[in-house]
Amino acid sequence: METALGLWLQRELAALSTVSRHDVVADAGHNALVMAPEHAPGVVESIEWVRAQAAARHDHRYE
């Protein structure tokens, strides 16, 4: 379970970047992909967003 302070700190960390977002998959923990497969789609979607952002920034640097 997240604490109010923990959520605030995570939002602050995300705000340090101009290309960021803070996703919370309700009831998912750090081991959600293994122990709670019902949370996998939300976790994977967030990971894919990060991958796509990194790829776009990488591609843009070499235009």
PDB file of N, CA and C in Angstrom:
ATOM      1  N   MET A   1       0.840  -1.183   0.000  1.00  0.00           N
ATOM      2  CA  MET A   1       0.000   0.000   0.000  1.00  0.00           C
ATOM      3  C   MET A   1       0.887   1.249   0.000  1.00  0.00           C
ATOM      4  N   GLU A   2       0.532   2.190  -0.826  1.00  0.00           N
ATOM      5  CA  GLU A   2       1.284   3.436  -0.927  1.00  0.00           C
ATOM      6  C   GLU A   2       0.884   4.385   0.193  1.00  0.00           C
ATOM      7  N   THR A   3       1.846   5.101   0.689  1.00  0.00           N
ATOM      8  CA  THR A   3       1.561   6.153   1.660  1.00  0.00           C
ATOM      9  C   THR A   3       1.364   7.459   0.910  1.00  0.00           C
ATOM     10  N   ALA A   4       0.726   8.408   1.561  1.00  0.00           N
ATOM     11  CA  ALA A   4       0.541   9.721   0.942  1.00  0.00           C
ATOM     12  C   ALA A   4       1.894  10.354   0.627  1.00  0.00           C
ATOM     13  N   LEU A   5       2.844  10.211   1.533  1.00  0.00           N
ATOM     14  CA  LEU A   5       4.180  10.759   1.295  1.00  0.00           C
ATOM     15  C   LEU A   5       4.846  10.077   0.110  1.00  0.00           C
ATOM     16  N   GLY A   6       4.727   8.760   0.023  1.00  0.00           N
ATOM     17  CA  GLY A   6       5.320   8.022  -1.093  1.00  0.00           C
ATOM     18  C   GLY A   6       4.748   8.462  -2.428  1.00  0.00           C
ATOM     19  N   LEU A   7       3.438   8.620  -2.501  1.00  0.00           N
ATOM     20  CA  LEU A   7       2.811   9.081  -3.743  1.00  0.00           C
ATOM     21  C   LEU A   7       3.262  10.496  -4.086  1.00  0.00           C
ATOM     22  N   TRP A   8       3.333  11.354  -3.084  1.00  0.00           N
ATOM     23  CA  TRP A   8       3.774  12.724  -3.321  1.00  0.00           C
ATOM     24  C   TRP A   8       5.202  12.740  -3.862  1.00  0.00           C
ATOM     25  N   LEU A   9       6.084  11.949  -3.255  1.00  0.00           N
ATOM     26  CA  LEU A   9       7.473  11.894  -3.712  1.00  0.00           C
ATOM     27  C   LEU A   9       7.571  11.369  -5.142  1.00  0.00           C
ATOM     28  N   GLN A  10       6.774  10.372  -5.488  1.00  0.00           N
ATOM     29  CA  GLN A  10       6.797   9.836  -6.850  1.00  0.00           C
ATOM     30  C   GLN A  10       6.301  10.864  -7.848  1.00  0.00           C
ATOM     31  N   ARG A  11       5.278  11.626  -7.488  1.00  0.00           N
ATOM     32  CA  ARG A  11       4.788  12.690  -8.376  1.00  0.00           C
ATOM     33  C   ARG A  11       5.840  13.784  -8.548  1.00  0.00           C
ATOM     34  N   GLU A  12       6.506  14.128  -7.461  1.00  0.00           N
ATOM     35  CA  GLU A  12       7.577  15.127  -7.536  1.00  0.00           C
ATOM     36  C   GLU A  12       8.700  14.646  -8.455  1.00  0.00           C
ATOM     37  N   LEU A  13       9.061  13.398  -8.346  1.00  0.00           N
ATOM     38  CA  LEU A  13      10.110  12.835  -9.194  1.00  0.00           C
ATOM     39  C   LEU A  13       9.698  12.890 -10.663  1.00  0.00           C
ATOM     40  N   ALA A  14       8.466  12.513 -10.965  1.00  0.00           N
ATOM     41  CA  ALA A  14       7.985  12.559 -12.350  1.00  0.00           C
ATOM     42  C   ALA A  14       7.982  13.987 -12.883  1.00  0.00           C
ATOM     43  N   ALA A  15       7.711  14.951 -12.031  1.00  0.00           N
ATOM     44  CA  ALA A  15       7.646  16.351 -12.456  1.00  0.00           C
ATOM     45  C   ALA A  15       9.013  16.922 -12.821  1.00  0.00           C
ATOM     46  N   LEU A  16      10.084  16.248 -12.481  1.00  0.00           N
ATOM     47  CA  LEU A  16      11.422  16.735 -12.824  1.00  0.00           C
ATOM     48  C   LEU A  16      11.718  16.621 -14.315  1.00  0.00           C
ATOM     49  N   SER A  17      10.956  15.832 -15.027  1.00  0.00           N
ATOM     50  CA  SER A  17      11.168  15.629 -16.457  1.00  0.00           C
ATOM     51  C   SER A  17      10.074  16.324 -17.250  1.00  0.00           C
ATOM     52  N   THR A  18      10.423  16.790 -18.445  1.00  0.00           N
ATOM     53  CA  THR A  18       9.412  17.387 -19.319  1.00  0.00           C
ATOM     54  C   THR A  18       8.648  16.321 -20.090  1.00  0.00           C
ATOM     55  N   VAL A  19       9.140  15.102 -20.082  1.00  0.00           N
ATOM     56  CA  VAL A  19       8.469  13.979 -20.749  1.00  0.00           C
ATOM     57  C   VAL A  19       8.287  12.890 -19.700  1.00  0.00           C
ATOM     58  N   SER A  20       7.197  12.989 -18.966  1.00  0.00           N
ATOM     59  CA  SER A  20       6.987  12.011 -17.904  1.00  0.00           C
ATOM     60  C   SER A  20       5.510  11.872 -17.595  1.00  0.00           C
ATOM     61  N   ARG A  21       5.219  10.846 -16.863  1.00  0.00           N
ATOM     62  CA  ARG A  21       3.891  10.666 -16.296  1.00  0.00           C
ATOM     63  C   ARG A  21       4.051   9.731 -15.108  1.00  0.00           C
ATOM     64  N   HIS A  22       3.097   9.775 -14.224  1.00  0.00           N
ATOM     65  CA  HIS A  22       3.129   8.922 -13.034  1.00  0.00           C
ATOM     66  C   HIS A  22       1.906   8.022 -13.092  1.00  0.00           C
ATOM     67  N   ASP A  23       2.129   6.764 -13.385  1.00  0.00           N
ATOM     68  CA  ASP A  23       1.037   5.794 -13.468  1.00  0.00           C
ATOM     69  C   ASP A  23       0.949   5.005 -12.176  1.00  0.00           C
ATOM     70  N   VAL A  24      -0.269   4.750 -11.758  1.00  0.00           N
ATOM     71  CA  VAL A  24      -0.504   3.880 -10.608  1.00  0.00           C
ATOM     72  C   VAL A  24      -1.466   2.794 -11.062  1.00  0.00           C
ATOM     73  N   VAL A  25      -1.029   1.557 -10.988  1.00  0.00           N
ATOM     74  CA  VAL A  25      -1.898   0.420 -11.293  1.00  0.00           C
ATOM     75  C   VAL A  25      -2.465  -0.032  -9.957  1.00  0.00           C
ATOM     76  N   ALA A  26      -3.755   0.211  -9.756  1.00  0.00           N
ATOM     77  CA  ALA A  26      -4.391  -0.064  -8.465  1.00  0.00           C
ATOM     78  C   ALA A  26      -4.144  -1.498  -8.011  1.00  0.00           C
ATOM     79  N   ASP A  27      -3.746  -1.636  -6.771  1.00  0.00           N
ATOM     80  CA  ASP A  27      -3.518  -2.932  -6.115  1.00  0.00           C
ATOM     81  C   ASP A  27      -2.351  -3.729  -6.685  1.00  0.00           C
ATOM     82  N   ALA A  28      -1.551  -3.147  -7.559  1.00  0.00           N
ATOM     83  CA  ALA A  28      -0.397  -3.862  -8.113  1.00  0.00           C
ATOM     84  C   ALA A  28       0.842  -3.521  -7.295  1.00  0.00           C
ATOM     85  N   GLY A  29       1.642  -4.527  -7.030  1.00  0.00           N
ATOM     86  CA  GLY A  29       2.897  -4.320  -6.321  1.00  0.00           C
ATOM     87  C   GLY A  29       4.067  -4.454  -7.276  1.00  0.00           C
ATOM     88  N   HIS A  30       5.269  -4.453  -6.731  1.00  0.00           N
ATOM     89  CA  HIS A  30       6.455  -4.559  -7.570  1.00  0.00           C
ATOM     90  C   HIS A  30       6.579  -5.916  -8.252  1.00  0.00           C
ATOM     91  N   ASN A  31       5.925  -6.927  -7.743  1.00  0.00           N
ATOM     92  CA  ASN A  31       5.992  -8.260  -8.345  1.00  0.00           C
ATOM     93  C   ASN A  31       4.703  -8.603  -9.090  1.00  0.00           C
ATOM     94  N   ALA A  32       3.975  -7.595  -9.559  1.00  0.00           N
ATOM     95  CA  ALA A  32       2.659  -7.804 -10.161  1.00  0.00           C
ATOM     96  C   ALA A  32       2.687  -8.713 -11.384  1.00  0.00           C
ATOM     97  N   LEU A  33       3.715  -8.628 -12.205  1.00  0.00           N
ATOM     98  CA  LEU A  33       3.743  -9.442 -13.421  1.00  0.00           C
ATOM     99  C   LEU A  33       3.813 -10.929 -13.111  1.00  0.00           C
ATOM    100  N   VAL A  34       4.410 -11.281 -11.987  1.00  0.00           N
ATOM    101  CA  VAL A  34       4.571 -12.690 -11.629  1.00  0.00           C
ATOM    102  C   VAL A  34       3.450 -13.169 -10.724  1.00  0.00           C
ATOM    103  N   MET A  35       3.141 -12.387  -9.704  1.00  0.00           N
ATOM    104  CA  MET A  35       2.212 -12.833  -8.667  1.00  0.00           C
ATOM    105  C   MET A  35       0.760 -12.441  -8.925  1.00  0.00           C
ATOM    106  N   ALA A  36       0.512 -11.452  -9.748  1.00  0.00           N
ATOM    107  CA  ALA A  36      -0.853 -10.983  -9.999  1.00  0.00           C
ATOM    108  C   ALA A  36      -1.007 -10.652 -11.479  1.00  0.00           C
ATOM    109  N   PRO A  37      -1.122 -11.684 -12.318  1.00  0.00           N
ATOM    110  CA  PRO A  37      -1.156 -11.447 -13.762  1.00  0.00           C
ATOM    111  C   PRO A  37      -2.311 -10.559 -14.226  1.00  0.00           C
ATOM    112  N   GLU A  38      -3.337 -10.400 -13.409  1.00  0.00           N
ATOM    113  CA  GLU A  38      -4.438  -9.514 -13.809  1.00  0.00           C
ATOM    114  C   GLU A  38      -3.984  -8.055 -13.891  1.00  0.00           C
ATOM    115  N   HIS A  39      -2.866  -7.730 -13.250  1.00  0.00           N
ATOM    116  CA  HIS A  39      -2.335  -6.366 -13.313  1.00  0.00           C
ATOM    117  C   HIS A  39      -1.357  -6.180 -14.471  1.00  0.00           C
ATOM    118  N   ALA A  40      -0.987  -7.251 -15.117  1.00  0.00           N
ATOM    119  CA  ALA A  40       0.032  -7.190 -16.166  1.00  0.00           C
ATOM    120  C   ALA A  40      -0.290  -6.192 -17.279  1.00  0.00           C
ATOM    121  N   PRO A  41      -1.523  -6.140 -17.800  1.00  0.00           N
ATOM    122  CA  PRO A  41      -1.772  -5.192 -18.896  1.00  0.00           C
ATOM    123  C   PRO A  41      -1.461  -3.738 -18.524  1.00  0.00           C
ATOM    124  N   GLY A  42      -1.836  -3.312 -17.339  1.00  0.00           N
ATOM    125  CA  GLY A  42      -1.556  -1.941 -16.922  1.00  0.00           C
ATOM    126  C   GLY A  42      -0.077  -1.683 -16.738  1.00  0.00           C
ATOM    127  N   VAL A  43       0.621  -2.651 -16.165  1.00  0.00           N
ATOM    128  CA  VAL A  43       2.061  -2.514 -15.952  1.00  0.00           C
ATOM    129  C   VAL A  43       2.790  -2.494 -17.292  1.00  0.00           C
ATOM    130  N   VAL A  44       2.423  -3.399 -18.181  1.00  0.00           N
ATOM    131  CA  VAL A  44       3.071  -3.476 -19.493  1.00  0.00           C
ATOM    132  C   VAL A  44       2.812  -2.208 -20.292  1.00  0.00           C
ATOM    133  N   GLU A  45       1.607  -1.663 -20.223  1.00  0.00           N
ATOM    134  CA  GLU A  45       1.296  -0.435 -20.956  1.00  0.00           C
ATOM    135  C   GLU A  45       2.199   0.701 -20.487  1.00  0.00           C
ATOM    136  N   SER A  46       2.413   0.799 -19.198  1.00  0.00           N
ATOM    137  CA  SER A  46       3.291   1.848 -18.670  1.00  0.00           C
ATOM    138  C   SER A  46       4.734   1.650 -19.125  1.00  0.00           C
ATOM    139  N   ILE A  47       5.194   0.422 -19.104  1.00  0.00           N
ATOM    140  CA  ILE A  47       6.558   0.120 -19.557  1.00  0.00           C
ATOM    141  C   ILE A  47       6.714   0.444 -21.039  1.00  0.00           C
ATOM    142  N   GLU A  48       5.723   0.090 -21.833  1.00  0.00           N
ATOM    143  CA  GLU A  48       5.776   0.373 -23.272  1.00  0.00           C
ATOM    144  C   GLU A  48       5.794   1.875 -23.544  1.00  0.00           C
ATOM    145  N   TRP A  49       5.081   2.657 -22.749  1.00  0.00           N
ATOM    146  CA  TRP A  49       5.094   4.109 -22.916  1.00  0.00           C
ATOM    147  C   TRP A  49       6.505   4.647 -22.691  1.00  0.00           C
ATOM    148  N   VAL A  50       7.162   4.169 -21.637  1.00  0.00           N
ATOM    149  CA  VAL A  50       8.533   4.602 -21.352  1.00  0.00           C
ATOM    150  C   VAL A  50       9.454   4.214 -22.502  1.00  0.00           C
ATOM    151  N   ARG A  51       9.327   2.985 -22.987  1.00  0.00           N
ATOM    152  CA  ARG A  51      10.162   2.521 -24.092  1.00  0.00           C
ATOM    153  C   ARG A  51       9.947   3.384 -25.334  1.00  0.00           C
ATOM    154  N   ALA A  52       8.691   3.685 -25.645  1.00  0.00           N
ATOM    155  CA  ALA A  52       8.384   4.498 -26.827  1.00  0.00           C
ATOM    156  C   ALA A  52       8.944   5.912 -26.687  1.00  0.00           C
ATOM    157  N   GLN A  53       8.840   6.496 -25.499  1.00  0.00           N
ATOM    158  CA  GLN A  53       9.384   7.837 -25.281  1.00  0.00           C
ATOM    159  C   GLN A  53      10.898   7.843 -25.440  1.00  0.00           C
ATOM    160  N   ALA A  54      11.551   6.845 -24.895  1.00  0.00           N
ATOM    161  CA  ALA A  54      13.012   6.759 -25.014  1.00  0.00           C
ATOM    162  C   ALA A  54      13.426   6.574 -26.466  1.00  0.00           C
ATOM    163  N   ALA A  55      12.713   5.731 -27.194  1.00  0.00           N
ATOM    164  CA  ALA A  55      13.036   5.500 -28.602  1.00  0.00           C
ATOM    165  C   ALA A  55      12.824   6.771 -29.418  1.00  0.00           C
ATOM    166  N   ALA A  56      11.741   7.493 -29.150  1.00  0.00           N
ATOM    167  CA  ALA A  56      11.461   8.726 -29.891  1.00  0.00           C
ATOM    168  C   ALA A  56      12.537   9.773 -29.630  1.00  0.00           C
ATOM    169  N   ARG A  57      12.965   9.901 -28.412  1.00  0.00           N
ATOM    170  CA  ARG A  57      14.016  10.877 -28.091  1.00  0.00           C
ATOM    171  C   ARG A  57      15.339  10.460 -28.715  1.00  0.00           C
ATOM    172  N   HIS A  58      15.625   9.170 -28.718  1.00  0.00           N
ATOM    173  CA  HIS A  58      16.854   8.661 -29.327  1.00  0.00           C
ATOM    174  C   HIS A  58      16.837   8.924 -30.833  1.00  0.00           C
ATOM    175  N   ASP A  59      15.719   8.608 -31.491  1.00  0.00           N
ATOM    176  CA  ASP A  59      15.605   8.810 -32.936  1.00  0.00           C
ATOM    177  C   ASP A  59      15.712  10.291 -33.290  1.00  0.00           C
ATOM    178  N   HIS A  60      15.110  11.143 -32.482  1.00  0.00           N
ATOM    179  CA  HIS A  60      15.116  12.583 -32.746  1.00  0.00           C
ATOM    180  C   HIS A  60      16.538  13.154 -32.674  1.00  0.00           C
ATOM    181  N   ARG A  61      17.354  12.621 -31.801  1.00  0.00           N
ATOM    182  CA  ARG A  61      18.722  13.123 -31.644  1.00  0.00           C
ATOM    183  C   ARG A  61      19.570  12.854 -32.881  1.00  0.00           C
ATOM    184  N   TYR A  62      19.192  11.883 -33.683  1.00  0.00           N
ATOM    185  CA  TYR A  62      20.013  11.497 -34.834  1.00  0.00           C
ATOM    186  C   TYR A  62      19.383  11.881 -36.165  1.00  0.00           C
ATOM    187  N   GLU A  63      18.456  12.826 -36.166  1.00  0.00           N
ATOM    188  CA  GLU A  63      17.847  13.270 -37.429  1.00  0.00           C
ATOM    189  C   GLU A  63      18.760  14.222 -38.153  1.00  0.00           C
TER     190      GLU A  63
END
